[in-house]
C-alpha atoms as a PDB file:
ATOM      1  CA  MET A   1     -29.710  22.973  11.028  1.00  0.00           C
ATOM      2  CA  GLN A   2     -26.994  20.300  10.961  1.00  0.00           C
ATOM      3  CA  PHE A   3     -26.825  18.047   7.953  1.00  0.00           C
ATOM      4  CA  ASP A   4     -24.681  15.242   6.750  1.00  0.00           C
ATOM      5  CA  LYS A   5     -25.043  15.658   2.892  1.00  0.00           C
ATOM      6  CA  GLU A   6     -26.244  18.256   0.626  1.00  0.00           C
ATOM      7  CA  LEU A   7     -28.107  17.921  -2.717  1.00  0.00           C
ATOM      8  CA  ASP A   8     -28.541  20.843  -5.270  1.00  0.00           C
ATOM      9  CA  ALA A   9     -31.634  20.190  -7.240  1.00  0.00           C
ATOM     10  CA  ARG A  10     -32.045  23.765  -8.534  1.00  0.00           C
ATOM     11  CA  GLY A  11     -33.301  23.964 -12.102  1.00  0.00           C
ATOM     12  CA  LEU A  12     -34.561  20.351 -11.986  1.00  0.00           C
ATOM     13  CA  ASN A  13     -38.217  19.689 -12.595  1.00  0.00           C
ATOM     14  CA  CYS A  14     -40.430  16.837 -11.228  1.00  0.00           C
ATOM     15  CA  PRO A  15     -39.610  13.992 -10.820  1.00  0.00           C
ATOM     16  CA  LEU A  16     -35.801  14.660 -10.876  1.00  0.00           C
ATOM     17  CA  PRO A  17     -35.483  16.219  -7.389  1.00  0.00           C
ATOM     18  CA  ILE A  18     -37.209  13.315  -5.800  1.00  0.00           C
ATOM     19  CA  LEU A  19     -35.261  10.727  -7.811  1.00  0.00           C
ATOM     20  CA  ARG A  20     -31.957  12.471  -6.913  1.00  0.00           C
ATOM     21  CA  THR A  21     -33.090  12.555  -3.264  1.00  0.00           C
ATOM     22  CA  LYS A  22     -33.887   8.844  -3.297  1.00  0.00           C
ATOM     23  CA  LYS A  23     -30.383   8.160  -4.654  1.00  0.00           C
ATOM     24  CA  ALA A  24     -28.666  10.401  -2.199  1.00  0.00           C
ATOM     25  CA  LEU A  25     -30.604   8.914   0.759  1.00  0.00           C
ATOM     26  CA  SER A  26     -29.575   5.294  -0.431  1.00  0.00           C
ATOM     27  CA  ASP A  27     -25.908   6.270   0.238  1.00  0.00           C
ATOM     28  CA  MET A  28     -26.628   7.461   3.764  1.00  0.00           C
ATOM     29  CA  VAL A  29     -27.111   5.632   7.046  1.00  0.00           C
ATOM     30  CA  SER A  30     -30.173   5.765   9.281  1.00  0.00           C
ATOM     31  CA  GLY A  31     -30.467   8.984  11.181  1.00  0.00           C
ATOM     32  CA  GLN A  32     -28.374  11.085   8.880  1.00  0.00           C
ATOM     33  CA  VAL A  33     -29.794  14.321   7.450  1.00  0.00           C
ATOM     34  CA  LEU A  34     -29.934  15.389   3.881  1.00  0.00           C
ATOM     35  CA  LYS A  35     -30.261  19.027   2.867  1.00  0.00           C
ATOM     36  CA  ILE A  36     -31.979  19.478  -0.561  1.00  0.00           C
ATOM     37  CA  THR A  37     -32.285  22.864  -2.391  1.00  0.00           C
ATOM     38  CA  ALA A  38     -34.908  22.943  -5.197  1.00  0.00           C
ATOM     39  CA  THR A  39     -36.556  25.478  -7.382  1.00  0.00           C
ATOM     40  CA  ASP A  40     -39.553  23.433  -8.691  1.00  0.00           C
ATOM     41  CA  PRO A  41     -42.701  24.862  -7.186  1.00  0.00           C
ATOM     42  CA  GLY A  42     -44.206  21.408  -6.986  1.00  0.00           C
ATOM     43  CA  ALA A  43     -41.280  20.261  -4.803  1.00  0.00           C
ATOM     44  CA  VAL A  44     -43.131  21.082  -1.478  1.00  0.00           C
ATOM     45  CA  ARG A  45     -45.950  18.773  -2.295  1.00  0.00           C
ATOM     46  CA  ASP A  46     -43.688  16.247  -3.775  1.00  0.00           C
ATOM     47  CA  PHE A  47     -41.358  15.969  -0.726  1.00  0.00           C
ATOM     48  CA  GLN A  48     -44.335  15.795   1.651  1.00  0.00           C
ATOM     49  CA  ALA A  49     -45.775  12.812  -0.327  1.00  0.00           C
ATOM     50  CA  PHE A  50     -42.282  11.283  -0.693  1.00  0.00           C
ATOM     51  CA  SER A  51     -41.785  11.349   3.143  1.00  0.00           C
ATOM     52  CA  LYS A  52     -45.101   9.667   3.830  1.00  0.00           C
ATOM     53  CA  GLN A  53     -44.411   7.047   1.154  1.00  0.00           C
ATOM     54  CA  THR A  54     -40.935   6.155   2.256  1.00  0.00           C
ATOM     55  CA  GLY A  55     -40.939   6.646   5.987  1.00  0.00           C
ATOM     56  CA  ASN A  56     -38.040   9.130   5.791  1.00  0.00           C
ATOM     57  CA  THR A  57     -38.763  12.197   8.049  1.00  0.00           C
ATOM     58  CA  LEU A  58     -39.211  15.669   6.397  1.00  0.00           C
ATOM     59  CA  VAL A  59     -37.595  17.652   9.247  1.00  0.00           C
ATOM     60  CA  SER A  60     -38.283  20.954   7.794  1.00  0.00           C
ATOM     61  CA  SER A  61     -39.314  22.804   4.586  1.00  0.00           C
ATOM     62  CA  ASP A  62     -38.550  26.476   4.035  1.00  0.00           C
ATOM     63  CA  ALA A  63     -38.919  28.871   1.148  1.00  0.00           C
ATOM     64  CA  THR A  64     -36.367  31.632   0.342  1.00  0.00           C
ATOM     65  CA  ALA A  65     -36.757  34.296  -2.392  1.00  0.00           C
ATOM     66  CA  ASP A  66     -35.377  31.891  -5.048  1.00  0.00           C
ATOM     67  CA  ALA A  67     -35.507  28.372  -3.769  1.00  0.00           C
ATOM     68  CA  PHE A  68     -37.084  25.787  -1.478  1.00  0.00           C
ATOM     69  CA  ILE A  69     -34.910  24.242   1.298  1.00  0.00           C
ATOM     70  CA  PHE A  70     -35.701  20.791   2.683  1.00  0.00           C
ATOM     71  CA  PHE A  71     -34.092  18.828   5.444  1.00  0.00           C
ATOM     72  CA  MET A  72     -34.812  15.067   5.264  1.00  0.00           C
ATOM     73  CA  LYS A  73     -33.758  12.460   7.923  1.00  0.00           C
ATOM     74  CA  LYS A  74     -33.217   8.952   6.582  1.00  0.00           C
ATOM     75  CA  LYS A  75     -35.329   6.367   8.375  1.00  0.00           C
END
């Protein structure tokens, strides 16, 4: 998937991946896509809730052997 910015949140626990995502999205323009890589098992639930609360679109969410990959489009 195409993305405009990447955030590495591996090794960070809640709420840091969400806080870093919020900061990264604030520097982006509407329609741009942020790729986030996280290792916190709670991140899947957290990013779904963050998307609903903020109106940013969680385009996709995948799990690999060692991380979770999210693509979020700024509203």
